[in-house]
Each structure stands twice: as C-alpha cells, then as structure tokens.
C-alpha atoms as a PDB file:
ATOM      1  CA  MET A   1      -2.622  -6.919 -15.597  1.00  0.00           C
ATOM      2  CA  ASN A   2      -0.025  -4.566 -14.238  1.00  0.00           C
ATOM      3  CA  ALA A   3       0.424  -4.262 -10.220  1.00  0.00           C
ATOM      4  CA  VAL A   4       2.534  -1.758  -8.191  1.00  0.00           C
ATOM      5  CA  VAL A   5       3.506  -1.515  -4.512  1.00  0.00           C
ATOM      6  CA  LEU A   6       4.310   2.271  -3.992  1.00  0.00           C
ATOM      7  CA  TYR A   7       5.395   3.020  -0.874  1.00  0.00           C
ATOM      8  CA  ASP A   8       7.572   5.124   1.554  1.00  0.00           C
ATOM      9  CA  THR A   9       9.435   4.399   3.921  1.00  0.00           C
ATOM     10  CA  ALA A  10      11.476   5.624   7.051  1.00  0.00           C
ATOM     11  CA  TYR A  11      13.604   3.216   8.815  1.00  0.00           C
ATOM     12  CA  GLY A  12      13.025  -0.027   5.716  1.00  0.00           C
ATOM     13  CA  ASN A  13       9.924  -2.016   7.293  1.00  0.00           C
ATOM     14  CA  THR A  14       7.728  -0.465   4.872  1.00  0.00           C
ATOM     15  CA  ARG A  15      10.015  -1.210   2.139  1.00  0.00           C
ATOM     16  CA  THR A  16      10.158  -4.701   3.620  1.00  0.00           C
ATOM     17  CA  VAL A  17       6.347  -5.146   3.538  1.00  0.00           C
ATOM     18  CA  ALA A  18       5.972  -3.750   0.436  1.00  0.00           C
ATOM     19  CA  GLU A  19       8.410  -5.998  -1.200  1.00  0.00           C
ATOM     20  CA  SER A  20       6.811  -8.933   0.535  1.00  0.00           C
ATOM     21  CA  ILE A  21       3.605  -8.365  -1.287  1.00  0.00           C
ATOM     22  CA  ALA A  22       4.907  -7.734  -4.713  1.00  0.00           C
ATOM     23  CA  SER A  23       6.874 -11.130  -4.354  1.00  0.00           C
ATOM     24  CA  ALA A  24       3.526 -12.469  -3.016  1.00  0.00           C
ATOM     25  CA  LEU A  25       1.710 -11.070  -5.819  1.00  0.00           C
ATOM     26  CA  GLY A  26       3.053 -12.512  -8.973  1.00  0.00           C
ATOM     27  CA  LEU A  27       2.127 -10.774 -12.156  1.00  0.00           C
ATOM     28  CA  GLY A  28       5.030  -9.367 -12.472  1.00  0.00           C
ATOM     29  CA  ALA A  29       4.490  -7.177  -9.489  1.00  0.00           C
ATOM     30  CA  SER A  30       7.324  -4.759  -8.471  1.00  0.00           C
ATOM     31  CA  ALA A  31       7.534  -2.213  -5.441  1.00  0.00           C
ATOM     32  CA  VAL A  32       8.209   1.104  -5.804  1.00  0.00           C
ATOM     33  CA  PRO A  33       9.628   3.498  -3.448  1.00  0.00           C
ATOM     34  CA  VAL A  34       7.322   6.772  -4.109  1.00  0.00           C
ATOM     35  CA  ASP A  35      10.262   9.006  -5.435  1.00  0.00           C
ATOM     36  CA  GLY A  36      10.477   6.423  -8.535  1.00  0.00           C
ATOM     37  CA  PHE A  37       6.710   6.154  -9.405  1.00  0.00           C
ATOM     38  CA  ASP A  38       5.689   7.350 -12.742  1.00  0.00           C
ATOM     39  CA  PRO A  39       1.540   7.309 -12.591  1.00  0.00           C
ATOM     40  CA  ALA A  40       1.398   7.401 -16.418  1.00  0.00           C
ATOM     41  CA  THR A  41       2.230   3.367 -15.847  1.00  0.00           C
ATOM     42  CA  LEU A  42      -1.145   2.763 -14.472  1.00  0.00           C
ATOM     43  CA  CYS A  43      -3.834   1.674 -16.748  1.00  0.00           C
ATOM     44  CA  PRO A  44      -7.249   0.588 -15.869  1.00  0.00           C
ATOM     45  CA  GLY A  45      -7.422  -3.478 -14.756  1.00  0.00           C
ATOM     46  CA  ASP A  46      -4.197  -2.777 -12.786  1.00  0.00           C
ATOM     47  CA  LEU A  47      -3.718  -3.346  -9.204  1.00  0.00           C
ATOM     48  CA  LEU A  48      -2.272  -0.466  -7.033  1.00  0.00           C
ATOM     49  CA  VAL A  49      -0.967  -1.084  -3.515  1.00  0.00           C
ATOM     50  CA  VAL A  50       0.126   1.807  -1.537  1.00  0.00           C
ATOM     51  CA  GLY A  51       2.164   1.364   1.887  1.00  0.00           C
ATOM     52  CA  SER A  52       3.431   4.212   4.348  1.00  0.00           C
ATOM     53  CA  PRO A  53       4.591   3.933   7.490  1.00  0.00           C
ATOM     54  CA  ILE A  54       2.181   6.168  10.382  1.00  0.00           C
ATOM     55  CA  ASN A  55       4.136   9.807  10.269  1.00  0.00           C
ATOM     56  CA  GLY A  56       2.512  12.248  13.084  1.00  0.00           C
ATOM     57  CA  TRP A  57      -1.168  10.155  12.827  1.00  0.00           C
ATOM     58  CA  LYS A  58      -1.368   9.914   8.776  1.00  0.00           C
ATOM     59  CA  PRO A  59       0.586   8.506   5.705  1.00  0.00           C
ATOM     60  CA  THR A  60       4.250  10.709   5.040  1.00  0.00           C
ATOM     61  CA  ALA A  61       4.317  13.731   2.821  1.00  0.00           C
ATOM     62  CA  ARG A  62       5.213  12.273  -0.285  1.00  0.00           C
ATOM     63  CA  ILE A  63       2.770   9.791  -0.382  1.00  0.00           C
ATOM     64  CA  ALA A  64       0.029  11.990   0.467  1.00  0.00           C
ATOM     65  CA  GLU A  65       1.594  13.621  -2.229  1.00  0.00           C
ATOM     66  CA  SER A  66       1.762  11.307  -4.637  1.00  0.00           C
ATOM     67  CA  LEU A  67      -2.195  10.243  -3.517  1.00  0.00           C
ATOM     68  CA  ALA A  68      -3.165  13.881  -4.308  1.00  0.00           C
ATOM     69  CA  ASN A  69      -1.164  13.913  -7.849  1.00  0.00           C
ATOM     70  CA  LEU A  70      -2.921  10.337  -8.686  1.00  0.00           C
ATOM     71  CA  ALA A  71      -6.680  11.808  -7.532  1.00  0.00           C
ATOM     72  CA  ARG A  72      -5.814  14.787 -10.559  1.00  0.00           C
ATOM     73  CA  ARG A  73      -5.113  12.126 -12.606  1.00  0.00           C
ATOM     74  CA  GLY A  74      -8.189   9.948 -11.886  1.00  0.00           C
ATOM     75  CA  LEU A  75      -7.308   6.308 -11.277  1.00  0.00           C
ATOM     76  CA  ASN A  76     -11.175   4.799 -12.483  1.00  0.00           C
ATOM     77  CA  GLY A  77     -10.707   1.438 -13.678  1.00  0.00           C
ATOM     78  CA  VAL A  78      -7.815   0.880 -11.700  1.00  0.00           C
ATOM     79  CA  HIS A  79      -8.114  -1.470  -8.308  1.00  0.00           C
ATOM     80  CA  ALA A  80      -6.273  -0.353  -5.255  1.00  0.00           C
ATOM     81  CA  ALA A  81      -5.614  -1.314  -1.485  1.00  0.00           C
ATOM     82  CA  ALA A  82      -3.341   0.483   0.920  1.00  0.00           C
ATOM     83  CA  PHE A  83      -1.340  -0.542   4.474  1.00  0.00           C
ATOM     84  CA  ASP A  84       0.825   1.255   6.737  1.00  0.00           C
ATOM     85  CA  THR A  85       3.264   0.469   9.257  1.00  0.00           C
ATOM     86  CA  ARG A  86       2.666   1.657  13.281  1.00  0.00           C
ATOM     87  CA  VAL A  87       3.701   0.298  16.527  1.00  0.00           C
ATOM     88  CA  ARG A  88       1.070  -1.465  18.493  1.00  0.00           C
ATOM     89  CA  LEU A  89      -0.191   0.857  20.607  1.00  0.00           C
ATOM     90  CA  PHE A  90      -4.002   0.843  21.891  1.00  0.00           C
ATOM     91  CA  ILE A  91      -4.330   4.898  20.456  1.00  0.00           C
ATOM     92  CA  HIS A  92      -2.368   5.134  16.973  1.00  0.00           C
ATOM     93  CA  GLY A  93      -2.716   7.019  13.814  1.00  0.00           C
ATOM     94  CA  ASP A  94      -4.055   4.855  11.024  1.00  0.00           C
ATOM     95  CA  ALA A  95      -2.535   6.297   7.445  1.00  0.00           C
ATOM     96  CA  ALA A  96      -3.665   2.804   5.991  1.00  0.00           C
ATOM     97  CA  LYS A  97      -7.667   3.932   6.168  1.00  0.00           C
ATOM     98  CA  LYS A  98      -6.455   7.640   4.756  1.00  0.00           C
ATOM     99  CA  MET A  99      -4.621   6.152   1.984  1.00  0.00           C
ATOM    100  CA  THR A 100      -7.498   3.540   1.187  1.00  0.00           C
ATOM    101  CA  LYS A 101     -10.506   6.708   1.484  1.00  0.00           C
ATOM    102  CA  SER A 102      -7.936   8.904  -1.221  1.00  0.00           C
ATOM    103  CA  LEU A 103      -7.457   6.033  -3.401  1.00  0.00           C
ATOM    104  CA  ALA A 104     -11.490   5.624  -3.825  1.00  0.00           C
ATOM    105  CA  GLU A 105     -11.914   9.521  -4.126  1.00  0.00           C
ATOM    106  CA  ALA A 106      -9.328   8.967  -6.987  1.00  0.00           C
ATOM    107  CA  GLY A 107     -11.945   6.821  -8.407  1.00  0.00           C
ATOM    108  CA  ALA A 108     -10.056   3.312  -7.615  1.00  0.00           C
ATOM    109  CA  THR A 109     -11.760  -0.080  -6.901  1.00  0.00           C
ATOM    110  CA  ILE A 110     -10.634  -1.133  -3.411  1.00  0.00           C
ATOM    111  CA  VAL A 111     -10.184  -4.608  -3.392  1.00  0.00           C
ATOM    112  CA  SER A 112      -9.281  -5.265   0.342  1.00  0.00           C
ATOM    113  CA  GLY A 113      -9.647  -3.093   3.535  1.00  0.00           C
ATOM    114  CA  PRO A 114      -7.061  -0.984   4.752  1.00  0.00           C
ATOM    115  CA  MET A 115      -4.288  -3.209   6.594  1.00  0.00           C
ATOM    116  CA  ALA A 116      -1.240  -2.638   9.414  1.00  0.00           C
ATOM    117  CA  PHE A 117       1.377  -4.556  10.426  1.00  0.00           C
ATOM    118  CA  TYR A 118       3.628  -4.035  13.216  1.00  0.00           C
ATOM    119  CA  VAL A 119       7.107  -2.610  14.143  1.00  0.00           C
ATOM    120  CA  LYS A 120       8.815  -2.802  17.093  1.00  0.00           C
ATOM    121  CA  GLY A 121       9.192   0.910  18.970  1.00  0.00           C
ATOM    122  CA  SER A 122       9.285   3.686  16.602  1.00  0.00           C
ATOM    123  CA  GLU A 123      12.077   2.145  14.251  1.00  0.00           C
ATOM    124  CA  GLY A 124      11.448  -1.398  14.342  1.00  0.00           C
ATOM    125  CA  PRO A 125      12.142  -3.931  12.767  1.00  0.00           C
ATOM    126  CA  LEU A 126       8.820  -5.821  12.090  1.00  0.00           C
ATOM    127  CA  LEU A 127       7.695  -7.817  14.574  1.00  0.00           C
ATOM    128  CA  GLU A 128       7.920 -11.781  14.163  1.00  0.00           C
ATOM    129  CA  ARG A 129       5.444 -12.992  11.384  1.00  0.00           C
ATOM    130  CA  GLU A 130       4.622  -9.962   9.846  1.00  0.00           C
ATOM    131  CA  VAL A 131       6.125 -10.497   6.674  1.00  0.00           C
ATOM    132  CA  GLU A 132       4.498 -13.405   6.394  1.00  0.00           C
ATOM    133  CA  ARG A 133       1.305 -11.888   7.291  1.00  0.00           C
ATOM    134  CA  ALA A 134       2.122  -9.585   4.282  1.00  0.00           C
ATOM    135  CA  ALA A 135       2.506 -12.212   1.509  1.00  0.00           C
ATOM    136  CA  ALA A 136      -0.720 -13.707   2.944  1.00  0.00           C
ATOM    137  CA  TRP A 137      -2.569 -10.591   2.369  1.00  0.00           C
ATOM    138  CA  ALA A 138      -1.617 -10.003  -0.985  1.00  0.00           C
ATOM    139  CA  ALA A 139      -2.676 -13.750  -1.605  1.00  0.00           C
ATOM    140  CA  ASP A 140      -5.854 -12.458  -0.865  1.00  0.00           C
ATOM    141  CA  LEU A 141      -5.196  -9.689  -2.978  1.00  0.00           C
ATOM    142  CA  ALA A 142      -5.009 -12.014  -6.202  1.00  0.00           C
ATOM    143  CA  ALA A 143      -7.766 -14.059  -5.235  1.00  0.00           C
ATOM    144  CA  SER A 144     -10.001 -10.276  -4.632  1.00  0.00           C
ATOM    145  CA  LEU A 145      -9.069  -9.745  -8.200  1.00  0.00           C
ATOM    146  CA  GLN A 146     -10.374 -12.822  -9.546  1.00  0.00           C
ATOM    147  CA  GLY A 147     -13.768 -11.357  -8.406  1.00  0.00           C
ATOM    148  CA  HIS A 148     -13.155  -8.157 -10.582  1.00  0.00           C
ATOM    149  CA  ALA A 149     -12.087  -9.773 -13.565  1.00  0.00           C
END
C-alpha cells in the first residue's frame, strides 16, 4: 500500500502538518505538494490524505483543481481522509469537510471524518501541540486501515 499526503500551503503550516502525518503513518508515506503530485501513482488500496489551509471559506484553488482532476480519473478502491489548517474562531470555513465530500464523490472510501488543525492568526504558527495531534490522527488513520484491509 502506498500512502500520499497531498497538500497545499500558504505559510508552511499545512506542510508541517502534512509532514507530521506522513512521518507518523509510516507505510513509506510521503508528503507531496499539490504542484508535484502525479495522480497516476495512486492505486486501489492506497491511502490519500489531502490537506489545505482554509482560503475564502474553502480549500485553495490548487487543491480544488487537483480534487476535480482526481474525480475525473476516479478514486475507486482508494482510502482517503482530509484535513485543513485554520484559525480557531466561532465562525470559519470548513475546507476539510468540502474536500472529504469531493473525495467521496470521486469514489474514495473515507476512513476518517474531516480534521482541523489550528494556527495562531492568519499566518501561524501552528498552535502548541498541533503537530503532535496530527501524528496521533495519523496513527488513528493507520489503525482504521487495518479494518479496511
């Protein structure tokens, strides 16, 4: 099984979370920036985790475009999950929920609900313990795959 953590980032916070997730997943997982991603590398049984900062209440345009391309190709048999980075506010966008919906509509098997990781202010840095939370979430993802194997 291949594991890819696909991400876009504005200030490096989403990249930091993606790298923490990839490291904690093991499985030879790699964190791949959206502009370096080759969708042909995904096969049934693989894990795709997609991450984006919230940008105008939704994922970045580059992640949205990548998800649209994946939908045209189809993700049948691919396990997937999504996360976003955001400011902790009473009202905010939910990029992870939108990405999870796109992944499911493309045929992926969703292995976790959407996850949010928090930054201080619009540029960060990540709040304390968010990198550790990302690693713990990755461990939960890996465990959930055991039930889908």
